[in-house]
Amino acid sequence: MSYEQAPYRRQGKQLETVTIGDAPNDTIYMVCGVVIAMLLVGLIIILVAVTINRVCLMSERKRLEQRQESTSAHASNPRNLNNAN
């Protein structure tokens, strides 16, 4: 496997050649970055879904409590009782 030499890069007072053999490291870093970004996006989606689910459950509970309060108030009101008198 032959490595091609890229243009010289100045490092301190010495000139150093950069070989294309360094490219696989860049690819590994890029793939790892993409995987980490995908995991973070997935985590954010899961957190948003859980938050929406909890908000829906809380609103459902409030709605049920209001129904129970209105039915209990409706049953305890003496005007609503059918008196045969």
PDB file of N, CA and C in Angstrom:
ATOM      1  N   MET A   1       0.854  -1.166   0.000  1.00  0.00           N
ATOM      2  CA  MET A   1       0.000   0.000   0.000  1.00  0.00           C
ATOM      3  C   MET A   1       0.896   1.223   0.000  1.00  0.00           C
ATOM      4  N   SER A   2       0.725   2.039  -0.977  1.00  0.00           N
ATOM      5  CA  SER A   2       1.577   3.219  -1.069  1.00  0.00           C
ATOM      6  C   SER A   2       0.789   4.433  -0.604  1.00  0.00           C
ATOM      7  N   TYR A   3       1.475   5.275   0.101  1.00  0.00           N
ATOM      8  CA  TYR A   3       0.861   6.496   0.594  1.00  0.00           C
ATOM      9  C   TYR A   3       1.295   7.645  -0.298  1.00  0.00           C
ATOM     10  N   GLU A   4       0.305   8.434  -0.715  1.00  0.00           N
ATOM     11  CA  GLU A   4       0.642   9.628  -1.477  1.00  0.00           C
ATOM     12  C   GLU A   4       0.962  10.727  -0.486  1.00  0.00           C
ATOM     13  N   GLN A   5       1.831  11.615  -0.909  1.00  0.00           N
ATOM     14  CA  GLN A   5       2.196  12.699  -0.003  1.00  0.00           C
ATOM     15  C   GLN A   5       1.450  13.958  -0.396  1.00  0.00           C
ATOM     16  N   ALA A   6       0.848  14.544   0.579  1.00  0.00           N
ATOM     17  CA  ALA A   6       0.135  15.794   0.380  1.00  0.00           C
ATOM     18  C   ALA A   6       1.131  16.934   0.505  1.00  0.00           C
ATOM     19  N   PRO A   7       0.693  18.143   0.239  1.00  0.00           N
ATOM     20  CA  PRO A   7       1.614  19.283   0.368  1.00  0.00           C
ATOM     21  C   PRO A   7       2.184  19.392   1.778  1.00  0.00           C
ATOM     22  N   TYR A   8       3.302  20.073   1.865  1.00  0.00           N
ATOM     23  CA  TYR A   8       3.988  20.209   3.146  1.00  0.00           C
ATOM     24  C   TYR A   8       3.198  21.091   4.091  1.00  0.00           C
ATOM     25  N   ARG A   9       3.347  20.800   5.365  1.00  0.00           N
ATOM     26  CA  ARG A   9       2.707  21.581   6.412  1.00  0.00           C
ATOM     27  C   ARG A   9       3.815  22.030   7.353  1.00  0.00           C
ATOM     28  N   ARG A  10       3.797  23.270   7.737  1.00  0.00           N
ATOM     29  CA  ARG A  10       4.851  23.827   8.580  1.00  0.00           C
ATOM     30  C   ARG A  10       4.521  23.563  10.035  1.00  0.00           C
ATOM     31  N   GLN A  11       5.448  22.961  10.752  1.00  0.00           N
ATOM     32  CA  GLN A  11       5.273  22.699  12.178  1.00  0.00           C
ATOM     33  C   GLN A  11       6.564  23.133  12.854  1.00  0.00           C
ATOM     34  N   GLY A  12       6.467  24.248  13.543  1.00  0.00           N
ATOM     35  CA  GLY A  12       7.679  24.803  14.147  1.00  0.00           C
ATOM     36  C   GLY A  12       8.611  25.261  13.036  1.00  0.00           C
ATOM     37  N   LYS A  13       9.868  24.831  13.087  1.00  0.00           N
ATOM     38  CA  LYS A  13      10.826  25.207  12.063  1.00  0.00           C
ATOM     39  C   LYS A  13      11.043  24.085  11.067  1.00  0.00           C
ATOM     40  N   GLN A  14      10.400  22.948  11.300  1.00  0.00           N
ATOM     41  CA  GLN A  14      10.578  21.817  10.415  1.00  0.00           C
ATOM     42  C   GLN A  14       9.385  21.702   9.469  1.00  0.00           C
ATOM     43  N   LEU A  15       9.680  21.185   8.292  1.00  0.00           N
ATOM     44  CA  LEU A  15       8.601  20.888   7.358  1.00  0.00           C
ATOM     45  C   LEU A  15       8.264  19.415   7.500  1.00  0.00           C
ATOM     46  N   GLU A  16       7.007  19.124   7.538  1.00  0.00           N
ATOM     47  CA  GLU A  16       6.573  17.758   7.747  1.00  0.00           C
ATOM     48  C   GLU A  16       5.590  17.389   6.645  1.00  0.00           C
ATOM     49  N   THR A  17       5.685  16.194   6.122  1.00  0.00           N
ATOM     50  CA  THR A  17       4.739  15.771   5.092  1.00  0.00           C
ATOM     51  C   THR A  17       3.537  15.129   5.755  1.00  0.00           C
ATOM     52  N   VAL A  18       2.396  15.367   5.182  1.00  0.00           N
ATOM     53  CA  VAL A  18       1.158  14.787   5.678  1.00  0.00           C
ATOM     54  C   VAL A  18       0.770  13.697   4.696  1.00  0.00           C
ATOM     55  N   THR A  19       0.610  12.495   5.180  1.00  0.00           N
ATOM     56  CA  THR A  19       0.251  11.402   4.290  1.00  0.00           C
ATOM     57  C   THR A  19      -1.245  11.182   4.303  1.00  0.00           C
ATOM     58  N   ILE A  20      -1.734  10.590   3.260  1.00  0.00           N
ATOM     59  CA  ILE A  20      -3.158  10.304   3.177  1.00  0.00           C
ATOM     60  C   ILE A  20      -3.508   9.149   4.114  1.00  0.00           C
ATOM     61  N   GLY A  21      -2.541   8.503   4.677  1.00  0.00           N
ATOM     62  CA  GLY A  21      -2.780   7.440   5.638  1.00  0.00           C
ATOM     63  C   GLY A  21      -3.458   7.944   6.898  1.00  0.00           C
ATOM     64  N   ASP A  22      -3.508   9.269   7.112  1.00  0.00           N
ATOM     65  CA  ASP A  22      -4.182   9.849   8.271  1.00  0.00           C
ATOM     66  C   ASP A  22      -5.703   9.891   8.086  1.00  0.00           C
ATOM     67  N   ALA A  23      -6.179   9.679   6.887  1.00  0.00           N
ATOM     68  CA  ALA A  23      -7.604   9.817   6.586  1.00  0.00           C
ATOM     69  C   ALA A  23      -8.494   8.862   7.381  1.00  0.00           C
ATOM     70  N   PRO A  24      -8.133   7.595   7.624  1.00  0.00           N
ATOM     71  CA  PRO A  24      -9.060   6.728   8.376  1.00  0.00           C
ATOM     72  C   PRO A  24      -9.394   7.256   9.761  1.00  0.00           C
ATOM     73  N   ASN A  25      -8.484   7.951  10.412  1.00  0.00           N
ATOM     74  CA  ASN A  25      -8.800   8.524  11.724  1.00  0.00           C
ATOM     75  C   ASN A  25      -9.905   9.556  11.608  1.00  0.00           C
ATOM     76  N   ASP A  26      -9.853  10.361  10.562  1.00  0.00           N
ATOM     77  CA  ASP A  26     -10.901  11.356  10.354  1.00  0.00           C
ATOM     78  C   ASP A  26     -12.243  10.670  10.123  1.00  0.00           C
ATOM     79  N   THR A  27     -12.240   9.585   9.399  1.00  0.00           N
ATOM     80  CA  THR A  27     -13.481   8.856   9.122  1.00  0.00           C
ATOM     81  C   THR A  27     -14.056   8.275  10.408  1.00  0.00           C
ATOM     82  N   ILE A  28     -13.202   7.733  11.241  1.00  0.00           N
ATOM     83  CA  ILE A  28     -13.666   7.165  12.516  1.00  0.00           C
ATOM     84  C   ILE A  28     -14.272   8.249  13.386  1.00  0.00           C
ATOM     85  N   TYR A  29     -13.619   9.414  13.447  1.00  0.00           N
ATOM     86  CA  TYR A  29     -14.149  10.520  14.254  1.00  0.00           C
ATOM     87  C   TYR A  29     -15.488  10.986  13.691  1.00  0.00           C
ATOM     88  N   MET A  30     -15.600  11.043  12.373  1.00  0.00           N
ATOM     89  CA  MET A  30     -16.841  11.496  11.764  1.00  0.00           C
ATOM     90  C   MET A  30     -17.973  10.505  12.051  1.00  0.00           C
ATOM     91  N   VAL A  31     -17.710   9.221  11.924  1.00  0.00           N
ATOM     92  CA  VAL A  31     -18.735   8.210  12.196  1.00  0.00           C
ATOM     93  C   VAL A  31     -19.143   8.257  13.669  1.00  0.00           C
ATOM     94  N   CYS A  32     -18.183   8.378  14.559  1.00  0.00           N
ATOM     95  CA  CYS A  32     -18.508   8.464  15.993  1.00  0.00           C
ATOM     96  C   CYS A  32     -19.334   9.711  16.293  1.00  0.00           C
ATOM     97  N   GLY A  33     -19.010  10.816  15.654  1.00  0.00           N
ATOM     98  CA  GLY A  33     -19.779  12.051  15.846  1.00  0.00           C
ATOM     99  C   GLY A  33     -21.211  11.906  15.382  1.00  0.00           C
ATOM    100  N   VAL A  34     -21.392  11.238  14.233  1.00  0.00           N
ATOM    101  CA  VAL A  34     -22.742  11.031  13.710  1.00  0.00           C
ATOM    102  C   VAL A  34     -23.534  10.113  14.641  1.00  0.00           C
ATOM    103  N   VAL A  35     -22.907   9.060  15.142  1.00  0.00           N
ATOM    104  CA  VAL A  35     -23.593   8.129  16.053  1.00  0.00           C
ATOM    105  C   VAL A  35     -23.986   8.843  17.345  1.00  0.00           C
ATOM    106  N   ILE A  36     -23.092   9.649  17.891  1.00  0.00           N
ATOM    107  CA  ILE A  36     -23.401  10.393  19.120  1.00  0.00           C
ATOM    108  C   ILE A  36     -24.546  11.372  18.875  1.00  0.00           C
ATOM    109  N   ALA A  37     -24.522  12.051  17.721  1.00  0.00           N
ATOM    110  CA  ALA A  37     -25.595  12.995  17.404  1.00  0.00           C
ATOM    111  C   ALA A  37     -26.934  12.264  17.275  1.00  0.00           C
ATOM    112  N   MET A  38     -26.928  11.089  16.643  1.00  0.00           N
ATOM    113  CA  MET A  38     -28.163  10.319  16.512  1.00  0.00           C
ATOM    114  C   MET A  38     -28.695   9.879  17.868  1.00  0.00           C
ATOM    115  N   LEU A  39     -27.816   9.469  18.759  1.00  0.00           N
ATOM    116  CA  LEU A  39     -28.247   9.066  20.099  1.00  0.00           C
ATOM    117  C   LEU A  39     -28.849  10.239  20.859  1.00  0.00           C
ATOM    118  N   LEU A  40     -28.240  11.411  20.739  1.00  0.00           N
ATOM    119  CA  LEU A  40     -28.774  12.584  21.427  1.00  0.00           C
ATOM    120  C   LEU A  40     -30.142  12.976  20.879  1.00  0.00           C
ATOM    121  N   VAL A  41     -30.303  12.917  19.565  1.00  0.00           N
ATOM    122  CA  VAL A  41     -31.607  13.242  18.967  1.00  0.00           C
ATOM    123  C   VAL A  41     -32.658  12.239  19.433  1.00  0.00           C
ATOM    124  N   GLY A  42     -32.298  10.956  19.478  1.00  0.00           N
ATOM    125  CA  GLY A  42     -33.226   9.937  19.963  1.00  0.00           C
ATOM    126  C   GLY A  42     -33.628  10.182  21.407  1.00  0.00           C
ATOM    127  N   LEU A  43     -32.660  10.556  22.231  1.00  0.00           N
ATOM    128  CA  LEU A  43     -32.944  10.848  23.637  1.00  0.00           C
ATOM    129  C   LEU A  43     -33.886  12.037  23.766  1.00  0.00           C
ATOM    130  N   ILE A  44     -33.671  13.061  22.960  1.00  0.00           N
ATOM    131  CA  ILE A  44     -34.543  14.243  23.008  1.00  0.00           C
ATOM    132  C   ILE A  44     -35.960  13.868  22.581  1.00  0.00           C
ATOM    133  N   ILE A  45     -36.086  13.038  21.545  1.00  0.00           N
ATOM    134  CA  ILE A  45     -37.411  12.615  21.093  1.00  0.00           C
ATOM    135  C   ILE A  45     -38.129  11.835  22.189  1.00  0.00           C
ATOM    136  N   ILE A  46     -37.421  10.948  22.860  1.00  0.00           N
ATOM    137  CA  ILE A  46     -38.026  10.165  23.943  1.00  0.00           C
ATOM    138  C   ILE A  46     -38.463  11.073  25.086  1.00  0.00           C
ATOM    139  N   LEU A  47     -37.637  12.031  25.456  1.00  0.00           N
ATOM    140  CA  LEU A  47     -38.000  12.953  26.544  1.00  0.00           C
ATOM    141  C   LEU A  47     -39.228  13.779  26.188  1.00  0.00           C
ATOM    142  N   VAL A  48     -39.314  14.235  24.953  1.00  0.00           N
ATOM    143  CA  VAL A  48     -40.481  15.021  24.527  1.00  0.00           C
ATOM    144  C   VAL A  48     -41.727  14.148  24.547  1.00  0.00           C
ATOM    145  N   ALA A  49     -41.615  12.901  24.092  1.00  0.00           N
ATOM    146  CA  ALA A  49     -42.771  11.999  24.082  1.00  0.00           C
ATOM    147  C   ALA A  49     -43.257  11.715  25.500  1.00  0.00           C
ATOM    148  N   VAL A  50     -42.347  11.483  26.424  1.00  0.00           N
ATOM    149  CA  VAL A  50     -42.728  11.228  27.814  1.00  0.00           C
ATOM    150  C   VAL A  50     -43.385  12.455  28.426  1.00  0.00           C
ATOM    151  N   THR A  51     -42.855  13.630  28.127  1.00  0.00           N
ATOM    152  CA  THR A  51     -43.435  14.866  28.661  1.00  0.00           C
ATOM    153  C   THR A  51     -44.846  15.066  28.133  1.00  0.00           C
ATOM    154  N   ILE A  52     -45.050  14.857  26.841  1.00  0.00           N
ATOM    155  CA  ILE A  52     -46.394  15.012  26.258  1.00  0.00           C
ATOM    156  C   ILE A  52     -47.351  14.003  26.874  1.00  0.00           C
ATOM    157  N   ASN A  53     -46.894  12.781  27.075  1.00  0.00           N
ATOM    158  CA  ASN A  53     -47.735  11.748  27.669  1.00  0.00           C
ATOM    159  C   ASN A  53     -48.161  12.140  29.084  1.00  0.00           C
ATOM    160  N   ARG A  54     -47.248  12.663  29.858  1.00  0.00           N
ATOM    161  CA  ARG A  54     -47.582  13.059  31.236  1.00  0.00           C
ATOM    162  C   ARG A  54     -48.559  14.224  31.251  1.00  0.00           C
ATOM    163  N   VAL A  55     -48.386  15.171  30.337  1.00  0.00           N
ATOM    164  CA  VAL A  55     -49.304  16.311  30.280  1.00  0.00           C
ATOM    165  C   VAL A  55     -50.702  15.823  29.910  1.00  0.00           C
ATOM    166  N   CYS A  56     -50.788  14.901  28.963  1.00  0.00           N
ATOM    167  CA  CYS A  56     -52.099  14.356  28.578  1.00  0.00           C
ATOM    168  C   CYS A  56     -52.743  13.612  29.742  1.00  0.00           C
ATOM    169  N   LEU A  57     -51.963  12.844  30.485  1.00  0.00           N
ATOM    170  CA  LEU A  57     -52.506  12.115  31.630  1.00  0.00           C
ATOM    171  C   LEU A  57     -53.003  13.071  32.706  1.00  0.00           C
ATOM    172  N   MET A  58     -52.255  14.152  32.929  1.00  0.00           N
ATOM    173  CA  MET A  58     -52.675  15.122  33.949  1.00  0.00           C
ATOM    174  C   MET A  58     -53.975  15.794  33.531  1.00  0.00           C
ATOM    175  N   SER A  59     -54.098  16.154  32.258  1.00  0.00           N
ATOM    176  CA  SER A  59     -55.335  16.809  31.816  1.00  0.00           C
ATOM    177  C   SER A  59     -56.503  15.832  31.869  1.00  0.00           C
ATOM    178  N   GLU A  60     -56.269  14.551  31.589  1.00  0.00           N
ATOM    179  CA  GLU A  60     -57.323  13.537  31.683  1.00  0.00           C
ATOM    180  C   GLU A  60     -57.785  13.379  33.129  1.00  0.00           C
ATOM    181  N   ARG A  61     -56.846  13.378  34.063  1.00  0.00           N
ATOM    182  CA  ARG A  61     -57.218  13.272  35.488  1.00  0.00           C
ATOM    183  C   ARG A  61     -58.048  14.469  35.921  1.00  0.00           C
ATOM    184  N   LYS A  62     -57.640  15.666  35.493  1.00  0.00           N
ATOM    185  CA  LYS A  62     -58.404  16.860  35.867  1.00  0.00           C
ATOM    186  C   LYS A  62     -59.814  16.790  35.303  1.00  0.00           C
ATOM    187  N   ARG A  63     -59.936  16.320  34.067  1.00  0.00           N
ATOM    188  CA  ARG A  63     -61.246  16.208  33.454  1.00  0.00           C
ATOM    189  C   ARG A  63     -62.122  15.219  34.216  1.00  0.00           C
ATOM    190  N   LEU A  64     -61.547  14.090  34.632  1.00  0.00           N
ATOM    191  CA  LEU A  64     -62.317  13.103  35.395  1.00  0.00           C
ATOM    192  C   LEU A  64     -62.716  13.644  36.764  1.00  0.00           C
ATOM    193  N   GLU A  65     -61.799  14.373  37.411  1.00  0.00           N
ATOM    194  CA  GLU A  65     -62.126  14.957  38.715  1.00  0.00           C
ATOM    195  C   GLU A  65     -63.252  15.966  38.581  1.00  0.00           C
ATOM    196  N   GLN A  66     -63.226  16.759  37.524  1.00  0.00           N
ATOM    197  CA  GLN A  66     -64.294  17.743  37.325  1.00  0.00           C
ATOM    198  C   GLN A  66     -65.629  17.050  37.079  1.00  0.00           C
ATOM    199  N   ARG A  67     -65.625  15.962  36.327  1.00  0.00           N
ATOM    200  CA  ARG A  67     -66.863  15.216  36.102  1.00  0.00           C
ATOM    201  C   ARG A  67     -67.398  14.644  37.405  1.00  0.00           C
ATOM    202  N   GLN A  68     -66.498  14.076  38.235  1.00  0.00           N
ATOM    203  CA  GLN A  68     -66.940  13.499  39.496  1.00  0.00           C
ATOM    204  C   GLN A  68     -67.485  14.579  40.417  1.00  0.00           C
ATOM    205  N   GLU A  69     -66.851  15.737  40.446  1.00  0.00           N
ATOM    206  CA  GLU A  69     -67.340  16.831  41.287  1.00  0.00           C
ATOM    207  C   GLU A  69     -68.692  17.323  40.796  1.00  0.00           C
ATOM    208  N   SER A  70     -68.864  17.422  39.489  1.00  0.00           N
ATOM    209  CA  SER A  70     -70.136  17.929  38.971  1.00  0.00           C
ATOM    210  C   SER A  70     -71.259  16.910  39.183  1.00  0.00           C
ATOM    211  N   THR A  71     -70.962  15.625  39.056  1.00  0.00           N
ATOM    212  CA  THR A  71     -72.010  14.629  39.295  1.00  0.00           C
ATOM    213  C   THR A  71     -72.347  14.532  40.770  1.00  0.00           C
ATOM    214  N   SER A  72     -71.378  14.658  41.647  1.00  0.00           N
ATOM    215  CA  SER A  72     -71.679  14.601  43.080  1.00  0.00           C
ATOM    216  C   SER A  72     -72.431  15.850  43.514  1.00  0.00           C
ATOM    217  N   ALA A  73     -72.090  17.001  42.962  1.00  0.00           N
ATOM    218  CA  ALA A  73     -72.823  18.227  43.295  1.00  0.00           C
ATOM    219  C   ALA A  73     -74.233  18.164  42.731  1.00  0.00           C
ATOM    220  N   HIS A  74     -74.376  17.580  41.562  1.00  0.00           N
ATOM    221  CA  HIS A  74     -75.682  17.452  40.931  1.00  0.00           C
ATOM    222  C   HIS A  74     -76.586  16.513  41.734  1.00  0.00           C
ATOM    223  N   ALA A  75     -76.054  15.436  42.259  1.00  0.00           N
ATOM    224  CA  ALA A  75     -76.844  14.466  43.028  1.00  0.00           C
ATOM    225  C   ALA A  75     -77.195  15.002  44.406  1.00  0.00           C
ATOM    226  N   SER A  76     -76.349  15.846  44.974  1.00  0.00           N
ATOM    227  CA  SER A  76     -76.620  16.343  46.331  1.00  0.00           C
ATOM    228  C   SER A  76     -77.523  17.570  46.328  1.00  0.00           C
ATOM    229  N   ASN A  77     -77.819  18.129  45.185  1.00  0.00           N
ATOM    230  CA  ASN A  77     -78.675  19.296  45.105  1.00  0.00           C
ATOM    231  C   ASN A  77     -80.133  18.862  45.270  1.00  0.00           C
ATOM    232  N   PRO A  78     -80.839  19.369  46.287  1.00  0.00           N
ATOM    233  CA  PRO A  78     -82.214  18.917  46.534  1.00  0.00           C
ATOM    234  C   PRO A  78     -83.186  19.312  45.439  1.00  0.00           C
ATOM    235  N   ARG A  79     -82.918  20.287  44.651  1.00  0.00           N
ATOM    236  CA  ARG A  79     -83.821  20.693  43.583  1.00  0.00           C
ATOM    237  C   ARG A  79     -83.904  19.638  42.492  1.00  0.00           C
ATOM    238  N   ASN A  80     -82.849  18.861  42.348  1.00  0.00           N
ATOM    239  CA  ASN A  80     -82.823  17.867  41.287  1.00  0.00           C
ATOM    240  C   ASN A  80     -83.523  16.573  41.662  1.00  0.00           C
ATOM    241  N   LEU A  81     -83.910  16.419  42.915  1.00  0.00           N
ATOM    242  CA  LEU A  81     -84.578  15.209  43.322  1.00  0.00           C
ATOM    243  C   LEU A  81     -86.039  15.299  42.916  1.00  0.00           C
ATOM    244  N   ASN A  82     -86.530  14.225  42.383  1.00  0.00           N
ATOM    245  CA  ASN A  82     -87.931  14.201  41.967  1.00  0.00           C
ATOM    246  C   ASN A  82     -88.801  13.842  43.150  1.00  0.00           C
ATOM    247  N   ASN A  83     -89.509  14.833  43.654  1.00  0.00           N
ATOM    248  CA  ASN A  83     -90.430  14.605  44.779  1.00  0.00           C
ATOM    249  C   ASN A  83     -91.843  14.510  44.246  1.00  0.00           C
ATOM    250  N   ALA A  84     -92.532  13.539  44.707  1.00  0.00           N
ATOM    251  CA  ALA A  84     -93.913  13.338  44.249  1.00  0.00           C
ATOM    252  C   ALA A  84     -94.881  14.259  44.994  1.00  0.00           C
ATOM    253  N   ASN A  85     -94.404  15.068  45.925  1.00  0.00           N
ATOM    254  CA  ASN A  85     -95.283  15.927  46.717  1.00  0.00           C
ATOM    255  C   ASN A  85     -95.799  17.068  45.928  1.00  0.00           C
TER     256      ASN A  85
END
